[in-house]
Amino acid sequence: MSAEPKRLGEILLEKKMITQEQLAQAIELQKLSGDIFGEILIQKKWVSEIQILQALSDQFKIPFVRLDANTVDWVTAKQFPMNLLSKNSCFPVKQDSQSMTVAVYDPLDAWTASALEAQSRGRTIHLVLATKQDIKTAIQELGRRKLNEKT
């Protein structure tokens, strides 16, 4: 029988990124608002987006990456519709004959994972975590590259 994965708040407490009081307050705010737990912590400025993503990386055993022009296979990225990437805050990073690596901000977004699988032409999807800004910047760069091809 495998142990249940640690919750995000537990991981942040262990890493001394938040206090017990902050955890309790964030849980109460989440109950009231329905907002995402990590987003509440970021909005309160108790942790950074990168700290949340690193903790989620630990929690889900999904690598955290920083996207830049050198880490992206632009040929792979060009296969995806821009509206899918923008709407779902995701970005294809690379592929081989059997798998595709896609950067996401929310590892629990099942709809996005399903949409990516539909676009991957039968490849297995491997998720990595990236910041919203890194994904947004990569999408903007892809748009520029696609526009330059047309001109």
N, C-alpha and C. Protein backbone atom coordinates (compact mmCIF):
# COMPACT_ATOMS: atom_id res chain seq x y z
N MET A 1 0.84 -1.17 0.00
CA MET A 1 0.00 0.00 0.00
C MET A 1 0.89 1.24 0.00
N SER A 2 0.67 2.10 -0.97
CA SER A 2 1.53 3.28 -1.08
C SER A 2 0.99 4.41 -0.22
N ALA A 3 1.90 5.22 0.27
CA ALA A 3 1.53 6.35 1.11
C ALA A 3 0.88 7.43 0.24
N GLU A 4 -0.09 8.11 0.80
CA GLU A 4 -0.75 9.20 0.10
C GLU A 4 0.25 10.34 -0.06
N PRO A 5 0.28 10.97 -1.24
CA PRO A 5 1.24 12.07 -1.42
C PRO A 5 0.96 13.21 -0.44
N LYS A 6 2.01 13.90 -0.08
CA LYS A 6 1.86 15.04 0.81
C LYS A 6 1.10 16.15 0.11
N ARG A 7 0.34 16.87 0.88
CA ARG A 7 -0.39 18.00 0.35
C ARG A 7 0.57 19.19 0.18
N LEU A 8 0.20 20.10 -0.68
CA LEU A 8 1.05 21.25 -0.98
C LEU A 8 1.40 22.03 0.29
N GLY A 9 0.43 22.26 1.14
CA GLY A 9 0.68 23.00 2.38
C GLY A 9 1.68 22.31 3.27
N GLU A 10 1.61 20.97 3.34
CA GLU A 10 2.57 20.21 4.15
C GLU A 10 3.99 20.36 3.61
N ILE A 11 4.12 20.32 2.30
CA ILE A 11 5.43 20.47 1.67
C ILE A 11 6.00 21.85 1.97
N LEU A 12 5.17 22.87 1.83
CA LEU A 12 5.63 24.24 2.09
C LEU A 12 6.00 24.44 3.55
N LEU A 13 5.26 23.82 4.46
CA LEU A 13 5.60 23.88 5.88
C LEU A 13 6.95 23.22 6.14
N GLU A 14 7.14 22.02 5.59
CA GLU A 14 8.40 21.29 5.78
C GLU A 14 9.59 22.09 5.29
N LYS A 15 9.39 22.78 4.17
CA LYS A 15 10.47 23.58 3.59
C LYS A 15 10.60 24.95 4.26
N LYS A 16 9.75 25.17 5.26
CA LYS A 16 9.75 26.43 6.01
C LYS A 16 9.49 27.64 5.12
N MET A 17 8.67 27.44 4.10
CA MET A 17 8.30 28.53 3.21
C MET A 17 7.08 29.29 3.72
N ILE A 18 6.24 28.61 4.53
CA ILE A 18 5.10 29.25 5.17
C ILE A 18 5.04 28.80 6.62
N THR A 19 4.26 29.54 7.40
CA THR A 19 4.06 29.17 8.80
C THR A 19 2.75 28.41 8.94
N GLN A 20 2.56 27.80 10.08
CA GLN A 20 1.31 27.10 10.38
C GLN A 20 0.13 28.08 10.33
N GLU A 21 0.35 29.29 10.80
CA GLU A 21 -0.70 30.31 10.78
C GLU A 21 -1.08 30.69 9.35
N GLN A 22 -0.07 30.85 8.50
CA GLN A 22 -0.35 31.17 7.09
C GLN A 22 -1.10 30.03 6.42
N LEU A 23 -0.71 28.80 6.72
CA LEU A 23 -1.40 27.63 6.16
C LEU A 23 -2.87 27.65 6.56
N ALA A 24 -3.13 27.84 7.85
CA ALA A 24 -4.51 27.85 8.34
C ALA A 24 -5.32 28.98 7.69
N GLN A 25 -4.72 30.14 7.57
CA GLN A 25 -5.41 31.29 6.97
C GLN A 25 -5.70 31.03 5.49
N ALA A 26 -4.74 30.45 4.78
CA ALA A 26 -4.93 30.17 3.36
C ALA A 26 -6.03 29.12 3.15
N ILE A 27 -6.08 28.13 4.01
CA ILE A 27 -7.13 27.11 3.91
C ILE A 27 -8.51 27.75 4.12
N GLU A 28 -8.61 28.64 5.10
CA GLU A 28 -9.89 29.33 5.35
C GLU A 28 -10.28 30.21 4.15
N LEU A 29 -9.30 30.92 3.60
CA LEU A 29 -9.57 31.75 2.43
C LEU A 29 -10.01 30.90 1.24
N GLN A 30 -9.40 29.74 1.09
CA GLN A 30 -9.77 28.85 0.00
C GLN A 30 -11.21 28.35 0.17
N LYS A 31 -11.59 28.02 1.40
CA LYS A 31 -12.96 27.58 1.66
C LYS A 31 -13.97 28.67 1.31
N LEU A 32 -13.63 29.91 1.63
CA LEU A 32 -14.53 31.03 1.38
C LEU A 32 -14.61 31.40 -0.11
N SER A 33 -13.46 31.41 -0.76
CA SER A 33 -13.40 31.92 -2.14
C SER A 33 -13.46 30.85 -3.21
N GLY A 34 -13.00 29.65 -2.88
CA GLY A 34 -12.91 28.60 -3.89
C GLY A 34 -11.69 28.75 -4.79
N ASP A 35 -10.84 29.73 -4.48
CA ASP A 35 -9.63 29.95 -5.28
C ASP A 35 -8.64 28.80 -5.08
N ILE A 36 -7.70 28.72 -5.99
CA ILE A 36 -6.66 27.70 -5.91
C ILE A 36 -5.73 28.03 -4.75
N PHE A 37 -5.40 27.03 -3.95
CA PHE A 37 -4.61 27.19 -2.74
C PHE A 37 -3.29 27.92 -3.01
N GLY A 38 -2.53 27.45 -3.99
CA GLY A 38 -1.25 28.07 -4.31
C GLY A 38 -1.39 29.50 -4.75
N GLU A 39 -2.46 29.80 -5.50
CA GLU A 39 -2.70 31.18 -5.95
C GLU A 39 -2.95 32.10 -4.76
N ILE A 40 -3.65 31.59 -3.75
CA ILE A 40 -3.89 32.39 -2.55
C ILE A 40 -2.57 32.75 -1.88
N LEU A 41 -1.69 31.78 -1.75
CA LEU A 41 -0.39 32.02 -1.12
C LEU A 41 0.44 33.04 -1.91
N ILE A 42 0.37 32.95 -3.23
CA ILE A 42 1.10 33.89 -4.09
C ILE A 42 0.49 35.29 -3.95
N GLN A 43 -0.84 35.38 -4.00
CA GLN A 43 -1.51 36.69 -3.87
C GLN A 43 -1.18 37.36 -2.54
N LYS A 44 -1.07 36.56 -1.48
CA LYS A 44 -0.73 37.10 -0.15
C LYS A 44 0.76 37.45 -0.05
N LYS A 45 1.53 37.06 -1.10
CA LYS A 45 2.98 37.29 -1.14
C LYS A 45 3.73 36.53 -0.04
N TRP A 46 3.16 35.39 0.36
CA TRP A 46 3.82 34.54 1.34
C TRP A 46 4.84 33.63 0.67
N VAL A 47 4.62 33.34 -0.61
CA VAL A 47 5.56 32.55 -1.40
C VAL A 47 5.55 33.09 -2.83
N SER A 48 6.56 32.72 -3.58
CA SER A 48 6.61 33.12 -4.99
C SER A 48 6.01 32.02 -5.86
N GLU A 49 5.72 32.38 -7.08
CA GLU A 49 5.21 31.40 -8.04
C GLU A 49 6.22 30.25 -8.22
N ILE A 50 7.49 30.59 -8.27
CA ILE A 50 8.52 29.56 -8.45
C ILE A 50 8.54 28.62 -7.25
N GLN A 51 8.39 29.15 -6.03
CA GLN A 51 8.36 28.29 -4.85
C GLN A 51 7.17 27.34 -4.90
N ILE A 52 6.02 27.83 -5.33
CA ILE A 52 4.84 26.96 -5.46
C ILE A 52 5.11 25.88 -6.49
N LEU A 53 5.66 26.25 -7.63
CA LEU A 53 5.92 25.26 -8.68
C LEU A 53 6.96 24.23 -8.25
N GLN A 54 7.96 24.66 -7.51
CA GLN A 54 8.95 23.71 -7.00
C GLN A 54 8.31 22.74 -6.02
N ALA A 55 7.40 23.24 -5.18
CA ALA A 55 6.70 22.36 -4.24
C ALA A 55 5.76 21.41 -4.98
N LEU A 56 5.07 21.91 -6.01
CA LEU A 56 4.21 21.05 -6.82
C LEU A 56 5.04 19.99 -7.54
N SER A 57 6.24 20.37 -7.96
CA SER A 57 7.15 19.43 -8.58
C SER A 57 7.47 18.28 -7.63
N ASP A 58 7.74 18.62 -6.38
CA ASP A 58 7.97 17.60 -5.36
C ASP A 58 6.72 16.76 -5.13
N GLN A 59 5.57 17.41 -5.05
CA GLN A 59 4.33 16.72 -4.74
C GLN A 59 3.94 15.73 -5.84
N PHE A 60 4.02 16.14 -7.09
CA PHE A 60 3.55 15.31 -8.19
C PHE A 60 4.66 14.59 -8.96
N LYS A 61 5.90 14.81 -8.54
CA LYS A 61 7.04 14.20 -9.22
C LYS A 61 7.06 14.58 -10.71
N ILE A 62 6.79 15.87 -10.95
CA ILE A 62 6.83 16.44 -12.29
C ILE A 62 7.94 17.48 -12.30
N PRO A 63 8.87 17.41 -13.24
CA PRO A 63 9.97 18.37 -13.25
C PRO A 63 9.49 19.82 -13.43
N PHE A 64 10.19 20.73 -12.78
CA PHE A 64 9.98 22.16 -12.97
C PHE A 64 11.08 22.65 -13.90
N VAL A 65 10.69 23.39 -14.95
CA VAL A 65 11.66 23.90 -15.92
C VAL A 65 11.46 25.39 -16.13
N ARG A 66 12.52 26.03 -16.56
CA ARG A 66 12.43 27.41 -17.03
C ARG A 66 12.48 27.36 -18.55
N LEU A 67 11.46 27.93 -19.19
CA LEU A 67 11.41 27.94 -20.65
C LEU A 67 12.18 29.12 -21.19
N ASP A 68 12.95 28.87 -22.23
CA ASP A 68 13.59 29.96 -22.97
C ASP A 68 13.78 29.48 -24.40
N ALA A 69 14.26 30.36 -25.24
CA ALA A 69 14.38 30.05 -26.67
C ALA A 69 15.25 28.83 -26.93
N ASN A 70 16.18 28.54 -26.04
CA ASN A 70 17.09 27.41 -26.25
C ASN A 70 16.52 26.07 -25.76
N THR A 71 15.48 26.09 -24.92
CA THR A 71 14.93 24.84 -24.40
C THR A 71 13.72 24.35 -25.20
N VAL A 72 13.22 25.18 -26.12
CA VAL A 72 12.02 24.84 -26.87
C VAL A 72 12.37 24.35 -28.27
N ASP A 73 11.72 23.27 -28.69
CA ASP A 73 11.80 22.80 -30.08
C ASP A 73 10.67 23.52 -30.83
N TRP A 74 11.03 24.56 -31.55
CA TRP A 74 10.03 25.41 -32.20
C TRP A 74 9.26 24.69 -33.29
N VAL A 75 9.86 23.69 -33.92
CA VAL A 75 9.15 22.90 -34.94
C VAL A 75 7.99 22.17 -34.28
N THR A 76 8.23 21.59 -33.10
CA THR A 76 7.17 20.92 -32.35
C THR A 76 6.10 21.94 -31.95
N ALA A 77 6.51 23.06 -31.43
CA ALA A 77 5.56 24.07 -30.94
C ALA A 77 4.64 24.56 -32.05
N LYS A 78 5.17 24.68 -33.27
CA LYS A 78 4.38 25.21 -34.38
C LYS A 78 3.24 24.27 -34.78
N GLN A 79 3.26 23.03 -34.33
CA GLN A 79 2.20 22.07 -34.67
C GLN A 79 0.90 22.34 -33.89
N PHE A 80 0.99 23.13 -32.84
CA PHE A 80 -0.16 23.35 -31.96
C PHE A 80 -0.87 24.65 -32.30
N PRO A 81 -2.20 24.65 -32.24
CA PRO A 81 -2.95 25.90 -32.46
C PRO A 81 -2.67 26.91 -31.34
N MET A 82 -2.46 28.14 -31.72
CA MET A 82 -2.16 29.18 -30.73
C MET A 82 -3.27 29.32 -29.69
N ASN A 83 -4.54 29.19 -30.13
CA ASN A 83 -5.64 29.37 -29.18
C ASN A 83 -5.64 28.27 -28.11
N LEU A 84 -5.25 27.05 -28.46
CA LEU A 84 -5.16 25.97 -27.47
C LEU A 84 -4.10 26.30 -26.43
N LEU A 85 -2.96 26.78 -26.87
CA LEU A 85 -1.86 27.11 -25.96
C LEU A 85 -2.22 28.29 -25.06
N SER A 86 -2.77 29.34 -25.65
CA SER A 86 -3.12 30.54 -24.88
C SER A 86 -4.24 30.26 -23.88
N LYS A 87 -5.27 29.60 -24.34
CA LYS A 87 -6.44 29.34 -23.49
C LYS A 87 -6.09 28.46 -22.30
N ASN A 88 -5.16 27.52 -22.49
CA ASN A 88 -4.87 26.53 -21.46
C ASN A 88 -3.54 26.74 -20.76
N SER A 89 -2.86 27.83 -21.08
CA SER A 89 -1.57 28.14 -20.45
C SER A 89 -0.65 26.92 -20.43
N CYS A 90 -0.40 26.42 -21.63
CA CYS A 90 0.50 25.28 -21.80
C CYS A 90 1.38 25.53 -23.01
N PHE A 91 2.47 24.77 -23.10
CA PHE A 91 3.38 24.98 -24.23
C PHE A 91 4.18 23.71 -24.51
N PRO A 92 4.13 23.21 -25.76
CA PRO A 92 4.92 22.03 -26.12
C PRO A 92 6.41 22.39 -26.16
N VAL A 93 7.22 21.57 -25.52
CA VAL A 93 8.64 21.86 -25.39
C VAL A 93 9.46 21.07 -26.39
N LYS A 94 9.18 19.76 -26.48
CA LYS A 94 9.94 18.91 -27.39
C LYS A 94 9.16 17.63 -27.63
N GLN A 95 9.60 16.87 -28.63
CA GLN A 95 8.98 15.59 -28.92
C GLN A 95 9.99 14.64 -29.53
N ASP A 96 9.67 13.37 -29.43
CA ASP A 96 10.40 12.36 -30.18
C ASP A 96 9.34 11.49 -30.84
N SER A 97 9.71 10.33 -31.37
CA SER A 97 8.74 9.53 -32.12
C SER A 97 7.62 8.97 -31.24
N GLN A 98 7.85 8.88 -29.93
CA GLN A 98 6.84 8.26 -29.07
C GLN A 98 6.27 9.17 -27.99
N SER A 99 6.91 10.28 -27.72
CA SER A 99 6.42 11.12 -26.63
C SER A 99 6.58 12.60 -26.94
N MET A 100 5.84 13.39 -26.17
CA MET A 100 5.91 14.84 -26.29
C MET A 100 5.96 15.41 -24.87
N THR A 101 6.85 16.37 -24.66
CA THR A 101 6.95 17.06 -23.38
C THR A 101 6.25 18.40 -23.50
N VAL A 102 5.33 18.64 -22.55
CA VAL A 102 4.54 19.86 -22.58
C VAL A 102 4.64 20.56 -21.23
N ALA A 103 4.92 21.85 -21.27
CA ALA A 103 4.98 22.66 -20.05
C ALA A 103 3.58 23.15 -19.71
N VAL A 104 3.21 23.00 -18.44
CA VAL A 104 1.92 23.46 -17.93
C VAL A 104 2.15 24.23 -16.64
N TYR A 105 1.17 25.02 -16.29
CA TYR A 105 1.21 25.73 -15.02
C TYR A 105 0.46 24.95 -13.95
N ASP A 106 -0.64 24.32 -14.35
CA ASP A 106 -1.49 23.59 -13.41
C ASP A 106 -1.43 22.10 -13.71
N PRO A 107 -0.75 21.32 -12.87
CA PRO A 107 -0.61 19.88 -13.15
C PRO A 107 -1.91 19.10 -12.96
N LEU A 108 -2.93 19.72 -12.40
CA LEU A 108 -4.20 19.03 -12.16
C LEU A 108 -5.27 19.35 -13.21
N ASP A 109 -4.91 20.10 -14.22
CA ASP A 109 -5.88 20.49 -15.25
C ASP A 109 -6.07 19.33 -16.23
N ALA A 110 -7.03 18.47 -15.93
CA ALA A 110 -7.26 17.26 -16.74
C ALA A 110 -7.72 17.61 -18.15
N TRP A 111 -8.51 18.67 -18.32
CA TRP A 111 -9.00 19.02 -19.64
C TRP A 111 -7.83 19.39 -20.55
N THR A 112 -6.90 20.16 -20.04
CA THR A 112 -5.75 20.54 -20.85
C THR A 112 -4.94 19.32 -21.25
N ALA A 113 -4.71 18.41 -20.31
CA ALA A 113 -3.97 17.18 -20.62
C ALA A 113 -4.67 16.40 -21.71
N SER A 114 -5.99 16.32 -21.65
CA SER A 114 -6.76 15.61 -22.67
C SER A 114 -6.64 16.29 -24.03
N ALA A 115 -6.74 17.61 -24.05
CA ALA A 115 -6.61 18.36 -25.31
C ALA A 115 -5.23 18.19 -25.92
N LEU A 116 -4.21 18.17 -25.06
CA LEU A 116 -2.84 17.99 -25.55
C LEU A 116 -2.65 16.59 -26.14
N GLU A 117 -3.21 15.60 -25.49
CA GLU A 117 -3.12 14.23 -26.01
C GLU A 117 -3.78 14.14 -27.38
N ALA A 118 -4.90 14.81 -27.57
CA ALA A 118 -5.60 14.80 -28.85
C ALA A 118 -4.75 15.43 -29.95
N GLN A 119 -3.94 16.42 -29.60
CA GLN A 119 -3.09 17.11 -30.57
C GLN A 119 -1.73 16.44 -30.78
N SER A 120 -1.39 15.46 -29.95
CA SER A 120 -0.03 14.91 -29.96
C SER A 120 0.20 13.81 -30.99
N ARG A 121 -0.82 13.47 -31.75
CA ARG A 121 -0.71 12.44 -32.79
C ARG A 121 -0.25 11.09 -32.23
N GLY A 122 -0.88 10.68 -31.13
CA GLY A 122 -0.62 9.36 -30.56
C GLY A 122 0.60 9.27 -29.66
N ARG A 123 1.28 10.35 -29.44
CA ARG A 123 2.44 10.33 -28.56
C ARG A 123 2.00 10.38 -27.10
N THR A 124 2.81 9.82 -26.23
CA THR A 124 2.59 9.92 -24.80
C THR A 124 2.97 11.32 -24.35
N ILE A 125 2.14 11.91 -23.52
CA ILE A 125 2.41 13.27 -23.03
C ILE A 125 3.16 13.20 -21.71
N HIS A 126 4.27 13.92 -21.63
CA HIS A 126 5.02 14.08 -20.38
C HIS A 126 4.90 15.55 -19.98
N LEU A 127 4.39 15.77 -18.79
CA LEU A 127 4.23 17.15 -18.32
C LEU A 127 5.46 17.62 -17.57
N VAL A 128 5.77 18.90 -17.73
CA VAL A 128 6.73 19.61 -16.90
C VAL A 128 6.03 20.87 -16.44
N LEU A 129 6.46 21.41 -15.32
CA LEU A 129 5.87 22.63 -14.79
C LEU A 129 6.70 23.84 -15.20
N ALA A 130 6.01 24.92 -15.51
CA ALA A 130 6.68 26.19 -15.85
C ALA A 130 5.84 27.34 -15.33
N THR A 131 6.47 28.48 -15.15
CA THR A 131 5.74 29.64 -14.66
C THR A 131 4.76 30.15 -15.73
N LYS A 132 3.74 30.85 -15.27
CA LYS A 132 2.78 31.45 -16.21
C LYS A 132 3.50 32.39 -17.16
N GLN A 133 4.44 33.17 -16.62
CA GLN A 133 5.14 34.15 -17.46
C GLN A 133 6.02 33.45 -18.49
N ASP A 134 6.71 32.39 -18.12
CA ASP A 134 7.53 31.66 -19.09
C ASP A 134 6.67 31.09 -20.22
N ILE A 135 5.50 30.55 -19.85
CA ILE A 135 4.59 29.99 -20.86
C ILE A 135 4.06 31.11 -21.76
N LYS A 136 3.65 32.21 -21.15
CA LYS A 136 3.13 33.34 -21.92
C LYS A 136 4.20 33.89 -22.87
N THR A 137 5.42 34.03 -22.40
CA THR A 137 6.51 34.52 -23.24
C THR A 137 6.79 33.57 -24.40
N ALA A 138 6.77 32.26 -24.13
CA ALA A 138 7.00 31.27 -25.19
C ALA A 138 5.88 31.33 -26.24
N ILE A 139 4.64 31.51 -25.80
CA ILE A 139 3.51 31.61 -26.73
C ILE A 139 3.67 32.86 -27.60
N GLN A 140 4.06 33.96 -26.99
CA GLN A 140 4.28 35.20 -27.75
C GLN A 140 5.39 35.02 -28.78
N GLU A 141 6.48 34.36 -28.37
CA GLU A 141 7.59 34.11 -29.31
C GLU A 141 7.14 33.21 -30.45
N LEU A 142 6.34 32.19 -30.13
CA LEU A 142 5.81 31.30 -31.17
C LEU A 142 4.95 32.10 -32.15
N GLY A 143 4.13 32.99 -31.65
CA GLY A 143 3.31 33.83 -32.51
C GLY A 143 4.17 34.67 -33.45
N ARG A 144 5.25 35.25 -32.91
CA ARG A 144 6.17 36.03 -33.75
C ARG A 144 6.81 35.15 -34.83
N ARG A 145 7.22 33.95 -34.43
CA ARG A 145 7.86 33.05 -35.40
C ARG A 145 6.89 32.62 -36.49
N LYS A 146 5.64 32.34 -36.12
CA LYS A 146 4.64 31.96 -37.12
C LYS A 146 4.34 33.12 -38.06
N LEU A 147 4.26 34.32 -37.52
CA LEU A 147 4.00 35.51 -38.32
C LEU A 147 5.15 35.76 -39.28
N ASN A 148 6.39 35.60 -38.83
CA ASN A 148 7.55 35.80 -39.70
C ASN A 148 7.60 34.80 -40.84
N GLU A 149 7.08 33.59 -40.63
CA GLU A 149 7.05 32.58 -41.70
C GLU A 149 6.10 32.98 -42.81
N LYS A 150 5.02 33.67 -42.44
CA LYS A 150 4.00 34.07 -43.42
C LYS A 150 4.42 35.25 -44.25
N THR A 151 5.38 36.04 -43.74
CA THR A 151 5.78 37.25 -44.47
C THR A 151 7.00 37.00 -45.30
